[in-house]
Amino acid sequence: MDTSVICPRFESAISILSQRWTGLIIYQLLSGPKRFSKLTEVIGISGRLLSERLKNLEAQGLVSRTVYPETPVRIEYELTEKGKSLKPVMDEIQSWSQEWIEAPPETTAETK
């Protein structure tokens, strides 16, 4: 593999995955469909930014959006097959982080 020339497909893939919050959204959706409010809660992202990232992931074919005609309307997001195919990549990043990234200091009531 010649690493002196960057493949346009590789560059596009890195561009998608390197957007802030995108990896965390994909990681959360690997465990199954999630509602918008659950994603904002577990990731800690603003609704505006989450909406933007989800629309981008939908446009890339990585996430699908399902609207359930209930009262109130329920909307769930889940990974497509293309999105689910990122699981080995995310698993490797998880393994790498456990070995090479120092754990952040614990936040306690005294340090806040």
C-alpha atoms as a PDB file:
ATOM      1  CA  MET A   1       0.000   0.000   0.000  1.00  0.00           C
ATOM      2  CA  ASP A   2       1.485   3.309  -1.112  1.00  0.00           C
ATOM      3  CA  THR A   3       0.893   5.792   1.719  1.00  0.00           C
ATOM      4  CA  SER A   4       2.489   8.709  -0.126  1.00  0.00           C
ATOM      5  CA  VAL A   5      -0.699   9.208  -2.151  1.00  0.00           C
ATOM      6  CA  ILE A   6      -3.999   9.539  -0.311  1.00  0.00           C
ATOM      7  CA  CYS A   7      -6.852   7.597  -1.873  1.00  0.00           C
ATOM      8  CA  PRO A   8      -9.896   9.852  -2.405  1.00  0.00           C
ATOM      9  CA  ARG A   9     -12.192   7.199  -0.887  1.00  0.00           C
ATOM     10  CA  PHE A  10     -10.026   6.960   2.227  1.00  0.00           C
ATOM     11  CA  GLU A  11      -9.960  10.741   2.497  1.00  0.00           C
ATOM     12  CA  SER A  12     -13.773  10.868   2.243  1.00  0.00           C
ATOM     13  CA  ALA A  13     -14.184   8.165   4.880  1.00  0.00           C
ATOM     14  CA  ILE A  14     -11.852   9.956   7.293  1.00  0.00           C
ATOM     15  CA  SER A  15     -13.658  13.222   6.604  1.00  0.00           C
ATOM     16  CA  ILE A  16     -16.988  11.668   7.592  1.00  0.00           C
ATOM     17  CA  LEU A  17     -15.691   9.926  10.718  1.00  0.00           C
ATOM     18  CA  SER A  18     -13.592  12.857  11.897  1.00  0.00           C
ATOM     19  CA  GLN A  19     -16.486  15.280  12.207  1.00  0.00           C
ATOM     20  CA  ARG A  20     -16.947  16.100  15.868  1.00  0.00           C
ATOM     21  CA  TRP A  21     -19.577  13.862  17.538  1.00  0.00           C
ATOM     22  CA  THR A  22     -20.046  11.617  14.481  1.00  0.00           C
ATOM     23  CA  GLY A  23     -18.039   8.718  15.914  1.00  0.00           C
ATOM     24  CA  LEU A  24     -19.959   8.905  19.193  1.00  0.00           C
ATOM     25  CA  ILE A  25     -23.298   8.927  17.360  1.00  0.00           C
ATOM     26  CA  ILE A  26     -22.309   5.871  15.338  1.00  0.00           C
ATOM     27  CA  TYR A  27     -20.994   4.152  18.471  1.00  0.00           C
ATOM     28  CA  GLN A  28     -24.303   4.721  20.294  1.00  0.00           C
ATOM     29  CA  LEU A  29     -26.364   3.480  17.339  1.00  0.00           C
ATOM     30  CA  LEU A  30     -24.337   0.254  17.118  1.00  0.00           C
ATOM     31  CA  SER A  31     -26.388  -1.048  20.054  1.00  0.00           C
ATOM     32  CA  GLY A  32     -29.669  -0.466  18.191  1.00  0.00           C
ATOM     33  CA  PRO A  33     -32.191   2.217  17.262  1.00  0.00           C
ATOM     34  CA  LYS A  34     -32.322   5.318  19.454  1.00  0.00           C
ATOM     35  CA  ARG A  35     -34.642   8.272  19.781  1.00  0.00           C
ATOM     36  CA  PHE A  36     -33.290  11.777  19.266  1.00  0.00           C
ATOM     37  CA  SER A  37     -33.721  12.701  22.937  1.00  0.00           C
ATOM     38  CA  LYS A  38     -31.829   9.597  24.086  1.00  0.00           C
ATOM     39  CA  LEU A  39     -28.910  10.447  21.805  1.00  0.00           C
ATOM     40  CA  THR A  40     -28.694  14.017  23.099  1.00  0.00           C
ATOM     41  CA  GLU A  41     -28.805  12.694  26.658  1.00  0.00           C
ATOM     42  CA  VAL A  42     -26.138  10.002  26.390  1.00  0.00           C
ATOM     43  CA  ILE A  43     -23.763  11.933  24.133  1.00  0.00           C
ATOM     44  CA  GLY A  44     -24.205  15.379  25.654  1.00  0.00           C
ATOM     45  CA  ILE A  45     -24.628  17.147  22.318  1.00  0.00           C
ATOM     46  CA  SER A  46     -26.947  20.046  21.511  1.00  0.00           C
ATOM     47  CA  GLY A  47     -30.119  19.260  19.597  1.00  0.00           C
ATOM     48  CA  ARG A  48     -29.130  21.561  16.739  1.00  0.00           C
ATOM     49  CA  LEU A  49     -25.756  19.909  16.263  1.00  0.00           C
ATOM     50  CA  LEU A  50     -27.159  16.380  16.630  1.00  0.00           C
ATOM     51  CA  SER A  51     -29.785  17.163  13.997  1.00  0.00           C
ATOM     52  CA  GLU A  52     -27.076  18.421  11.641  1.00  0.00           C
ATOM     53  CA  ARG A  53     -24.896  15.341  12.168  1.00  0.00           C
ATOM     54  CA  LEU A  54     -27.814  12.915  11.754  1.00  0.00           C
ATOM     55  CA  LYS A  55     -28.868  14.599   8.489  1.00  0.00           C
ATOM     56  CA  ASN A  56     -25.292  14.285   7.223  1.00  0.00           C
ATOM     57  CA  LEU A  57     -25.135  10.618   8.231  1.00  0.00           C
ATOM     58  CA  GLU A  58     -28.475  10.024   6.493  1.00  0.00           C
ATOM     59  CA  ALA A  59     -27.170  11.711   3.343  1.00  0.00           C
ATOM     60  CA  GLN A  60     -24.103   9.437   3.462  1.00  0.00           C
ATOM     61  CA  GLY A  61     -26.371   6.375   3.771  1.00  0.00           C
ATOM     62  CA  LEU A  62     -25.065   5.447   7.225  1.00  0.00           C
ATOM     63  CA  VAL A  63     -28.208   6.214   9.259  1.00  0.00           C
ATOM     64  CA  SER A  64     -31.904   5.785   8.589  1.00  0.00           C
ATOM     65  CA  ARG A  65     -34.711   7.750  10.195  1.00  0.00           C
ATOM     66  CA  THR A  66     -38.045   6.093  10.966  1.00  0.00           C
ATOM     67  CA  VAL A  67     -41.134   8.124  11.872  1.00  0.00           C
ATOM     68  CA  TYR A  68     -43.856   6.291  13.804  1.00  0.00           C
ATOM     69  CA  PRO A  69     -47.287   7.928  13.398  1.00  0.00           C
ATOM     70  CA  GLU A  70     -48.176   7.924  17.068  1.00  0.00           C
ATOM     71  CA  THR A  71     -49.224  10.654  19.444  1.00  0.00           C
ATOM     72  CA  PRO A  72     -46.776  12.127  20.141  1.00  0.00           C
ATOM     73  CA  VAL A  73     -44.849  11.274  16.996  1.00  0.00           C
ATOM     74  CA  ARG A  74     -41.924   8.939  17.680  1.00  0.00           C
ATOM     75  CA  ILE A  75     -38.782   9.200  15.555  1.00  0.00           C
ATOM     76  CA  GLU A  76     -35.960   6.686  15.785  1.00  0.00           C
ATOM     77  CA  TYR A  77     -32.554   6.623  14.185  1.00  0.00           C
ATOM     78  CA  GLU A  78     -30.640   3.469  13.385  1.00  0.00           C
ATOM     79  CA  LEU A  79     -27.626   2.408  11.408  1.00  0.00           C
ATOM     80  CA  THR A  80     -28.122   1.084   7.901  1.00  0.00           C
ATOM     81  CA  GLU A  81     -26.145  -1.952   6.749  1.00  0.00           C
ATOM     82  CA  LYS A  82     -23.493   0.480   5.536  1.00  0.00           C
ATOM     83  CA  GLY A  83     -23.401   2.062   8.998  1.00  0.00           C
ATOM     84  CA  LYS A  84     -23.331  -1.302  10.780  1.00  0.00           C
ATOM     85  CA  SER A  85     -20.328  -2.279   8.669  1.00  0.00           C
ATOM     86  CA  LEU A  86     -18.334   0.277  10.713  1.00  0.00           C
ATOM     87  CA  LYS A  87     -18.591  -1.941  13.823  1.00  0.00           C
ATOM     88  CA  PRO A  88     -15.141  -3.575  13.346  1.00  0.00           C
ATOM     89  CA  VAL A  89     -13.608  -0.113  12.878  1.00  0.00           C
ATOM     90  CA  MET A  90     -15.284   1.227  16.021  1.00  0.00           C
ATOM     91  CA  ASP A  91     -14.276  -1.908  17.966  1.00  0.00           C
ATOM     92  CA  GLU A  92     -10.639  -1.399  16.932  1.00  0.00           C
ATOM     93  CA  ILE A  93     -10.736   2.268  17.947  1.00  0.00           C
ATOM     94  CA  GLN A  94     -12.211   1.195  21.304  1.00  0.00           C
ATOM     95  CA  SER A  95      -9.422  -1.359  21.811  1.00  0.00           C
ATOM     96  CA  TRP A  96      -6.747   1.120  20.766  1.00  0.00           C
ATOM     97  CA  SER A  97      -8.114   3.768  23.148  1.00  0.00           C
ATOM     98  CA  GLN A  98      -8.049   1.344  26.075  1.00  0.00           C
ATOM     99  CA  GLU A  99      -4.381   0.663  25.464  1.00  0.00           C
ATOM    100  CA  TRP A 100      -3.089   4.098  24.468  1.00  0.00           C
ATOM    101  CA  ILE A 101      -5.373   6.852  25.783  1.00  0.00           C
ATOM    102  CA  GLU A 102      -5.073   7.885  29.400  1.00  0.00           C
ATOM    103  CA  ALA A 103      -8.377   7.868  31.279  1.00  0.00           C
ATOM    104  CA  PRO A 104      -9.662  11.347  32.090  1.00  0.00           C
ATOM    105  CA  PRO A 105      -9.544  12.315  35.758  1.00  0.00           C
ATOM    106  CA  GLU A 106     -12.686  11.452  37.722  1.00  0.00           C
ATOM    107  CA  THR A 107     -15.013  14.377  38.339  1.00  0.00           C
ATOM    108  CA  THR A 108     -16.138  14.623  41.921  1.00  0.00           C
ATOM    109  CA  ALA A 109     -18.294  17.098  43.817  1.00  0.00           C
ATOM    110  CA  GLU A 110     -15.117  18.554  45.349  1.00  0.00           C
ATOM    111  CA  THR A 111     -13.493  19.309  41.977  1.00  0.00           C
ATOM    112  CA  LYS A 112     -16.536  20.986  40.447  1.00  0.00           C
END
